[in-house]
PDB file of all heavy atoms in Angstrom:
ATOM      1  N   ARG A   1       7.768 -10.383 -17.519  1.00  0.00           N
ATOM      2  CA  ARG A   1       6.336 -10.309 -17.179  1.00  0.00           C
ATOM      3  C   ARG A   1       5.402 -10.408 -18.554  1.00  0.00           C
ATOM      4  O   ARG A   1       4.434 -11.050 -18.396  1.00  0.00           O
ATOM      5  CB  ARG A   1       6.037  -8.884 -16.573  1.00  0.00           C
ATOM      6  CG  ARG A   1       4.640  -8.720 -16.148  1.00  0.00           C
ATOM      7  CD  ARG A   1       4.286  -7.630 -15.256  1.00  0.00           C
ATOM      8  NE  ARG A   1       4.532  -6.329 -15.893  1.00  0.00           N
ATOM      9  CZ  ARG A   1       4.245  -5.174 -15.176  1.00  0.00           C
ATOM     10  NH1 ARG A   1       3.776  -5.205 -13.968  1.00  0.00           N
ATOM     11  NH2 ARG A   1       4.507  -4.011 -15.749  1.00  0.00           N
ATOM     12  N   GLY A   2       5.918 -10.001 -19.647  1.00  0.00           N
ATOM     13  CA  GLY A   2       5.347 -10.414 -20.887  1.00  0.00           C
ATOM     14  C   GLY A   2       4.088  -9.700 -21.220  1.00  0.00           C
ATOM     15  O   GLY A   2       3.292 -10.249 -21.947  1.00  0.00           O
ATOM     16  N   ARG A   3       3.819  -8.511 -20.751  1.00  0.00           N
ATOM     17  CA  ARG A   3       2.534  -7.857 -21.084  1.00  0.00           C
ATOM     18  C   ARG A   3       2.792  -6.902 -22.318  1.00  0.00           C
ATOM     19  O   ARG A   3       3.792  -6.131 -22.378  1.00  0.00           O
ATOM     20  CB  ARG A   3       2.102  -6.889 -19.911  1.00  0.00           C
ATOM     21  CG  ARG A   3       1.779  -7.598 -18.637  1.00  0.00           C
ATOM     22  CD  ARG A   3       1.381  -6.695 -17.555  1.00  0.00           C
ATOM     23  NE  ARG A   3       1.061  -7.379 -16.269  1.00  0.00           N
ATOM     24  CZ  ARG A   3       0.650  -6.708 -15.256  1.00  0.00           C
ATOM     25  NH1 ARG A   3       0.773  -5.319 -15.207  1.00  0.00           N
ATOM     26  NH2 ARG A   3       0.416  -7.399 -14.034  1.00  0.00           N
ATOM     27  N   PRO A   4       1.913  -7.004 -23.324  1.00  0.00           N
ATOM     28  CA  PRO A   4       2.116  -6.176 -24.427  1.00  0.00           C
ATOM     29  C   PRO A   4       2.156  -4.671 -24.225  1.00  0.00           C
ATOM     30  O   PRO A   4       2.873  -3.979 -24.905  1.00  0.00           O
ATOM     31  CB  PRO A   4       0.892  -6.487 -25.371  1.00  0.00           C
ATOM     32  CG  PRO A   4       0.442  -7.966 -24.830  1.00  0.00           C
ATOM     33  CD  PRO A   4       0.828  -7.804 -23.427  1.00  0.00           C
ATOM     34  N   GLU A   5       1.435  -4.175 -23.176  1.00  0.00           N
ATOM     35  CA  GLU A   5       1.410  -2.730 -22.965  1.00  0.00           C
ATOM     36  C   GLU A   5       2.732  -2.396 -22.190  1.00  0.00           C
ATOM     37  O   GLU A   5       2.930  -1.104 -22.099  1.00  0.00           O
ATOM     38  CB  GLU A   5       0.334  -2.401 -21.958  1.00  0.00           C
ATOM     39  CG  GLU A   5       0.390  -3.154 -20.561  1.00  0.00           C
ATOM     40  CD  GLU A   5      -0.370  -4.509 -20.628  1.00  0.00           C
ATOM     41  OE1 GLU A   5      -0.518  -5.107 -21.675  1.00  0.00           O
ATOM     42  OE2 GLU A   5      -0.998  -4.815 -19.457  1.00  0.00           O
ATOM     43  N   ASP A   6       3.697  -3.263 -21.886  1.00  0.00           N
ATOM     44  CA  ASP A   6       4.862  -2.803 -21.308  1.00  0.00           C
ATOM     45  C   ASP A   6       5.921  -2.562 -22.487  1.00  0.00           C
ATOM     46  O   ASP A   6       7.080  -2.154 -22.135  1.00  0.00           O
ATOM     47  CB  ASP A   6       5.429  -4.057 -20.402  1.00  0.00           C
ATOM     48  CG  ASP A   6       4.652  -4.096 -19.107  1.00  0.00           C
ATOM     49  OD1 ASP A   6       4.048  -3.042 -18.708  1.00  0.00           O
ATOM     50  OD2 ASP A   6       4.783  -5.047 -18.530  1.00  0.00           O
ATOM     51  N   GLU A   7       5.663  -2.984 -23.682  1.00  0.00           N
ATOM     52  CA  GLU A   7       6.725  -2.962 -24.682  1.00  0.00           C
ATOM     53  C   GLU A   7       7.363  -1.622 -24.921  1.00  0.00           C
ATOM     54  O   GLU A   7       8.615  -1.541 -25.034  1.00  0.00           O
ATOM     55  CB  GLU A   7       6.146  -3.553 -26.057  1.00  0.00           C
ATOM     56  CG  GLU A   7       7.157  -3.531 -27.154  1.00  0.00           C
ATOM     57  CD  GLU A   7       8.242  -4.408 -26.835  1.00  0.00           C
ATOM     58  OE1 GLU A   7       8.189  -5.343 -25.980  1.00  0.00           O
ATOM     59  OE2 GLU A   7       9.382  -4.320 -27.466  1.00  0.00           O
ATOM     60  N   ARG A   8       6.597  -0.573 -24.974  1.00  0.00           N
ATOM     61  CA  ARG A   8       7.074   0.708 -25.244  1.00  0.00           C
ATOM     62  C   ARG A   8       8.125   1.191 -24.002  1.00  0.00           C
ATOM     63  O   ARG A   8       9.198   1.629 -24.357  1.00  0.00           O
ATOM     64  CB  ARG A   8       6.113   1.821 -25.396  1.00  0.00           C
ATOM     65  CG  ARG A   8       6.483   3.182 -25.791  1.00  0.00           C
ATOM     66  CD  ARG A   8       5.433   4.131 -26.012  1.00  0.00           C
ATOM     67  NE  ARG A   8       5.856   5.446 -26.311  1.00  0.00           N
ATOM     68  CZ  ARG A   8       5.149   6.497 -26.686  1.00  0.00           C
ATOM     69  NH1 ARG A   8       3.845   6.235 -26.920  1.00  0.00           N
ATOM     70  NH2 ARG A   8       5.646   7.600 -26.864  1.00  0.00           N
ATOM     71  N   ALA A   9       7.669   0.820 -22.815  1.00  0.00           N
ATOM     72  CA  ALA A   9       8.491   1.293 -21.641  1.00  0.00           C
ATOM     73  C   ALA A   9       9.684   0.483 -21.629  1.00  0.00           C
ATOM     74  O   ALA A   9      10.885   0.984 -21.271  1.00  0.00           O
ATOM     75  CB  ALA A   9       7.639   1.170 -20.376  1.00  0.00           C
ATOM     76  N   ARG A  10       9.635  -0.818 -22.109  1.00  0.00           N
ATOM     77  CA  ARG A  10      10.695  -1.698 -22.030  1.00  0.00           C
ATOM     78  C   ARG A  10      11.809  -1.294 -23.010  1.00  0.00           C
ATOM     79  O   ARG A  10      13.002  -1.234 -22.659  1.00  0.00           O
ATOM     80  CB  ARG A  10      10.302  -3.050 -22.351  1.00  0.00           C
ATOM     81  CG  ARG A  10      11.440  -4.210 -22.404  1.00  0.00           C
ATOM     82  CD  ARG A  10      10.920  -5.567 -22.804  1.00  0.00           C
ATOM     83  NE  ARG A  10      10.779  -5.566 -24.336  1.00  0.00           N
ATOM     84  CZ  ARG A  10      11.922  -5.903 -25.003  1.00  0.00           C
ATOM     85  NH1 ARG A  10      13.023  -6.446 -24.564  1.00  0.00           N
ATOM     86  NH2 ARG A  10      11.739  -5.910 -26.324  1.00  0.00           N
ATOM     87  N   ARG A  11      11.413  -0.990 -24.249  1.00  0.00           N
ATOM     88  CA  ARG A  11      12.365  -0.504 -25.245  1.00  0.00           C
ATOM     89  C   ARG A  11      12.964   0.889 -24.812  1.00  0.00           C
ATOM     90  O   ARG A  11      14.165   1.097 -24.994  1.00  0.00           O
ATOM     91  CB  ARG A  11      11.536  -0.396 -26.580  1.00  0.00           C
ATOM     92  CG  ARG A  11      11.165  -1.696 -27.220  1.00  0.00           C
ATOM     93  CD  ARG A  11      10.720  -1.435 -28.634  1.00  0.00           C
ATOM     94  NE  ARG A  11      11.835  -1.133 -29.486  1.00  0.00           N
ATOM     95  CZ  ARG A  11      12.609  -2.062 -30.032  1.00  0.00           C
ATOM     96  NH1 ARG A  11      12.490  -3.402 -29.727  1.00  0.00           N
ATOM     97  NH2 ARG A  11      13.678  -1.740 -30.800  1.00  0.00           N
ATOM     98  N   SER A  12      12.161   1.774 -24.258  1.00  0.00           N
ATOM     99  CA  SER A  12      12.824   3.079 -23.741  1.00  0.00           C
ATOM    100  C   SER A  12      13.840   2.808 -22.742  1.00  0.00           C
ATOM    101  O   SER A  12      14.794   3.508 -22.797  1.00  0.00           O
ATOM    102  CB  SER A  12      11.740   3.894 -23.214  1.00  0.00           C
ATOM    103  OG  SER A  12      12.021   5.144 -22.730  1.00  0.00           O
ATOM    104  N   LEU A  13      13.719   1.890 -21.772  1.00  0.00           N
ATOM    105  CA  LEU A  13      14.585   1.771 -20.768  1.00  0.00           C
ATOM    106  C   LEU A  13      15.963   1.075 -21.297  1.00  0.00           C
ATOM    107  O   LEU A  13      16.934   1.514 -21.055  1.00  0.00           O
ATOM    108  CB  LEU A  13      14.006   0.618 -19.741  1.00  0.00           C
ATOM    109  CG  LEU A  13      12.928   1.213 -18.785  1.00  0.00           C
ATOM    110  CD1 LEU A  13      12.249   0.132 -18.051  1.00  0.00           C
ATOM    111  CD2 LEU A  13      13.594   2.157 -17.690  1.00  0.00           C
ATOM    112  N   LEU A  14      15.678   0.301 -22.257  1.00  0.00           N
ATOM    113  CA  LEU A  14      16.897  -0.366 -22.993  1.00  0.00           C
ATOM    114  C   LEU A  14      17.707   0.562 -23.754  1.00  0.00           C
ATOM    115  O   LEU A  14      18.934   0.594 -23.858  1.00  0.00           O
ATOM    116  CB  LEU A  14      16.502  -1.575 -23.797  1.00  0.00           C
ATOM    117  CG  LEU A  14      15.948  -2.870 -22.934  1.00  0.00           C
ATOM    118  CD1 LEU A  14      15.383  -3.806 -24.013  1.00  0.00           C
ATOM    119  CD2 LEU A  14      17.054  -3.479 -22.156  1.00  0.00           C
ATOM    120  N   GLU A  15      16.915   1.418 -24.544  1.00  0.00           N
ATOM    121  CA  GLU A  15      17.663   2.489 -25.341  1.00  0.00           C
ATOM    122  C   GLU A  15      18.369   3.309 -24.512  1.00  0.00           C
ATOM    123  O   GLU A  15      19.435   3.914 -24.859  1.00  0.00           O
ATOM    124  CB  GLU A  15      16.578   3.126 -26.223  1.00  0.00           C
ATOM    125  CG  GLU A  15      16.043   2.244 -27.407  1.00  0.00           C
ATOM    126  CD  GLU A  15      14.901   2.696 -28.045  1.00  0.00           C
ATOM    127  OE1 GLU A  15      14.463   3.903 -27.617  1.00  0.00           O
ATOM    128  OE2 GLU A  15      14.337   2.072 -29.059  1.00  0.00           O
ATOM    129  N   GLU A  16      17.838   3.770 -23.428  1.00  0.00           N
ATOM    130  CA  GLU A  16      18.416   4.767 -22.471  1.00  0.00           C
ATOM    131  C   GLU A  16      19.697   4.156 -22.009  1.00  0.00           C
ATOM    132  O   GLU A  16      20.774   4.801 -21.918  1.00  0.00           O
ATOM    133  CB  GLU A  16      17.516   5.191 -21.357  1.00  0.00           C
ATOM    134  CG  GLU A  16      16.428   6.146 -21.753  1.00  0.00           C
ATOM    135  CD  GLU A  16      16.910   7.452 -22.009  1.00  0.00           C
ATOM    136  OE1 GLU A  16      17.942   7.861 -21.441  1.00  0.00           O
ATOM    137  OE2 GLU A  16      16.303   8.275 -22.712  1.00  0.00           O
ATOM    138  N   SER A  17      19.643   2.960 -21.431  1.00  0.00           N
ATOM    139  CA  SER A  17      20.854   2.246 -20.925  1.00  0.00           C
ATOM    140  C   SER A  17      21.840   2.029 -21.994  1.00  0.00           C
ATOM    141  O   SER A  17      23.163   2.075 -21.797  1.00  0.00           O
ATOM    142  CB  SER A  17      20.460   0.896 -20.160  1.00  0.00           C
ATOM    143  OG  SER A  17      19.986   0.052 -21.167  1.00  0.00           O
ATOM    144  N   ARG A  18      21.434   1.611 -23.206  1.00  0.00           N
ATOM    145  CA  ARG A  18      22.455   1.385 -24.322  1.00  0.00           C
ATOM    146  C   ARG A  18      23.196   2.696 -24.637  1.00  0.00           C
ATOM    147  O   ARG A  18      24.393   2.607 -24.870  1.00  0.00           O
ATOM    148  CB  ARG A  18      21.666   0.921 -25.451  1.00  0.00           C
ATOM    149  CG  ARG A  18      22.695   0.525 -26.638  1.00  0.00           C
ATOM    150  CD  ARG A  18      22.022  -0.160 -27.771  1.00  0.00           C
ATOM    151  NE  ARG A  18      20.952   0.521 -28.411  1.00  0.00           N
ATOM    152  CZ  ARG A  18      20.265   0.050 -29.382  1.00  0.00           C
ATOM    153  NH1 ARG A  18      20.537  -1.072 -29.887  1.00  0.00           N
ATOM    154  NH2 ARG A  18      19.245   0.781 -29.874  1.00  0.00           N
ATOM    155  N   ARG A  19      22.525   3.929 -24.522  1.00  0.00           N
ATOM    156  CA  ARG A  19      23.196   5.056 -24.838  1.00  0.00           C
ATOM    157  C   ARG A  19      24.406   5.347 -23.831  1.00  0.00           C
ATOM    158  O   ARG A  19      25.545   5.781 -24.222  1.00  0.00           O
ATOM    159  CB  ARG A  19      22.215   6.222 -24.894  1.00  0.00           C
ATOM    160  CG  ARG A  19      21.502   6.449 -26.111  1.00  0.00           C
ATOM    161  CD  ARG A  19      20.753   7.716 -26.234  1.00  0.00           C
ATOM    162  NE  ARG A  19      19.579   7.687 -25.402  1.00  0.00           N
ATOM    163  CZ  ARG A  19      18.382   7.325 -25.949  1.00  0.00           C
ATOM    164  NH1 ARG A  19      18.216   6.982 -27.185  1.00  0.00           N
ATOM    165  NH2 ARG A  19      17.358   7.294 -25.243  1.00  0.00           N
ATOM    166  N   PHE A  20      24.032   5.021 -22.586  1.00  0.00           N
ATOM    167  CA  PHE A  20      25.113   5.345 -21.595  1.00  0.00           C
ATOM    168  C   PHE A  20      26.274   4.292 -21.923  1.00  0.00           C
ATOM    169  O   PHE A  20      27.425   4.612 -21.734  1.00  0.00           O
ATOM    170  CB  PHE A  20      24.566   4.995 -20.123  1.00  0.00           C
ATOM    171  CG  PHE A  20      25.629   5.170 -19.125  1.00  0.00           C
ATOM    172  CD1 PHE A  20      26.170   6.303 -18.623  1.00  0.00           C
ATOM    173  CD2 PHE A  20      26.277   3.907 -18.616  1.00  0.00           C
ATOM    174  CE1 PHE A  20      27.177   6.366 -17.800  1.00  0.00           C
ATOM    175  CE2 PHE A  20      27.296   3.993 -17.724  1.00  0.00           C
ATOM    176  CZ  PHE A  20      27.727   5.132 -17.290  1.00  0.00           C
ATOM    177  N   TYR A  21      25.892   2.886 -22.161  1.00  0.00           N
ATOM    178  CA  TYR A  21      26.929   1.986 -22.230  1.00  0.00           C
ATOM    179  C   TYR A  21      27.819   2.221 -23.404  1.00  0.00           C
ATOM    180  O   TYR A  21      29.030   2.141 -23.470  1.00  0.00           O
ATOM    181  CB  TYR A  21      26.356   0.529 -22.395  1.00  0.00           C
ATOM    182  CG  TYR A  21      25.561  -0.041 -21.130  1.00  0.00           C
ATOM    183  CD1 TYR A  21      24.462  -0.673 -21.320  1.00  0.00           C
ATOM    184  CD2 TYR A  21      26.236   0.158 -19.928  1.00  0.00           C
ATOM    185  CE1 TYR A  21      23.854  -1.069 -20.056  1.00  0.00           C
ATOM    186  CE2 TYR A  21      25.538  -0.239 -18.735  1.00  0.00           C
ATOM    187  CZ  TYR A  21      24.382  -0.878 -18.857  1.00  0.00           C
ATOM    188  OH  TYR A  21      23.785  -1.494 -17.743  1.00  0.00           O
ATOM    189  N   ARG A  22      27.204   2.792 -24.468  1.00  0.00           N
ATOM    190  CA  ARG A  22      27.972   3.104 -25.639  1.00  0.00           C
ATOM    191  C   ARG A  22      28.973   4.293 -25.309  1.00  0.00           C
ATOM    192  O   ARG A  22      30.005   4.303 -25.736  1.00  0.00           O
ATOM    193  CB  ARG A  22      26.991   3.492 -26.932  1.00  0.00           C
ATOM    194  CG  ARG A  22      26.405   2.259 -27.458  1.00  0.00           C
ATOM    195  CD  ARG A  22      25.537   2.703 -28.727  1.00  0.00           C
ATOM    196  NE  ARG A  22      25.211   1.620 -29.457  1.00  0.00           N
ATOM    197  CZ  ARG A  22      24.389   1.649 -30.506  1.00  0.00           C
ATOM    198  NH1 ARG A  22      23.791   2.822 -30.816  1.00  0.00           N
ATOM    199  NH2 ARG A  22      24.122   0.494 -31.200  1.00  0.00           N
ATOM    200  N   ARG A  23      28.368   5.371 -24.624  1.00  0.00           N
ATOM    201  CA  ARG A  23      29.342   6.495 -24.290  1.00  0.00           C
ATOM    202  C   ARG A  23      30.415   6.074 -23.435  1.00  0.00           C
ATOM    203  O   ARG A  23      31.508   6.595 -23.582  1.00  0.00           O
ATOM    204  CB  ARG A  23      28.356   7.534 -23.601  1.00  0.00           C
ATOM    205  CG  ARG A  23      27.505   8.277 -24.525  1.00  0.00           C
ATOM    206  CD  ARG A  23      27.047   9.588 -23.703  1.00  0.00           C
ATOM    207  NE  ARG A  23      26.450   9.408 -22.517  1.00  0.00           N
ATOM    208  CZ  ARG A  23      25.191   9.234 -22.295  1.00  0.00           C
ATOM    209  NH1 ARG A  23      24.417   9.219 -23.332  1.00  0.00           N
ATOM    210  NH2 ARG A  23      24.649   8.850 -21.066  1.00  0.00           N
ATOM    211  N   ALA A  24      30.113   5.116 -22.464  1.00  0.00           N
ATOM    212  CA  ALA A  24      31.217   4.564 -21.632  1.00  0.00           C
ATOM    213  C   ALA A  24      32.071   3.496 -22.292  1.00  0.00           C
ATOM    214  O   ALA A  24      33.100   3.204 -21.659  1.00  0.00           O
ATOM    215  CB  ALA A  24      30.515   4.026 -20.262  1.00  0.00           C
ATOM    216  N   GLY A  25      31.702   2.994 -23.462  1.00  0.00           N
ATOM    217  CA  GLY A  25      32.575   2.018 -23.989  1.00  0.00           C
ATOM    218  C   GLY A  25      32.460   0.669 -23.414  1.00  0.00           C
ATOM    219  O   GLY A  25      33.400  -0.063 -23.481  1.00  0.00           O
ATOM    220  N   ILE A  26      31.291   0.383 -22.905  1.00  0.00           N
ATOM    221  CA  ILE A  26      31.151  -0.979 -22.205  1.00  0.00           C
ATOM    222  C   ILE A  26      30.533  -1.911 -23.122  1.00  0.00           C
ATOM    223  O   ILE A  26      29.218  -2.129 -23.318  1.00  0.00           O
ATOM    224  CB  ILE A  26      30.306  -0.908 -20.858  1.00  0.00           C
ATOM    225  CG1 ILE A  26      30.955   0.126 -19.969  1.00  0.00           C
ATOM    226  CG2 ILE A  26      30.260  -2.152 -20.096  1.00  0.00           C
ATOM    227  CD1 ILE A  26      30.126   0.569 -18.768  1.00  0.00           C
ATOM    228  N   ALA A  27      31.310  -2.543 -24.085  1.00  0.00           N
ATOM    229  CA  ALA A  27      30.844  -3.375 -25.159  1.00  0.00           C
ATOM    230  C   ALA A  27      29.973  -4.489 -24.772  1.00  0.00           C
ATOM    231  O   ALA A  27      28.924  -4.897 -25.446  1.00  0.00           O
ATOM    232  CB  ALA A  27      32.065  -3.820 -26.070  1.00  0.00           C
TER     233      ALA A  27
END
């Protein structure tokens, strides 16, 4: 979508998902 106001929410979603993938070992 490319809206600047979405950036914070986008990063938060990615960081949350990355934490799970790291715990689960899904490289």
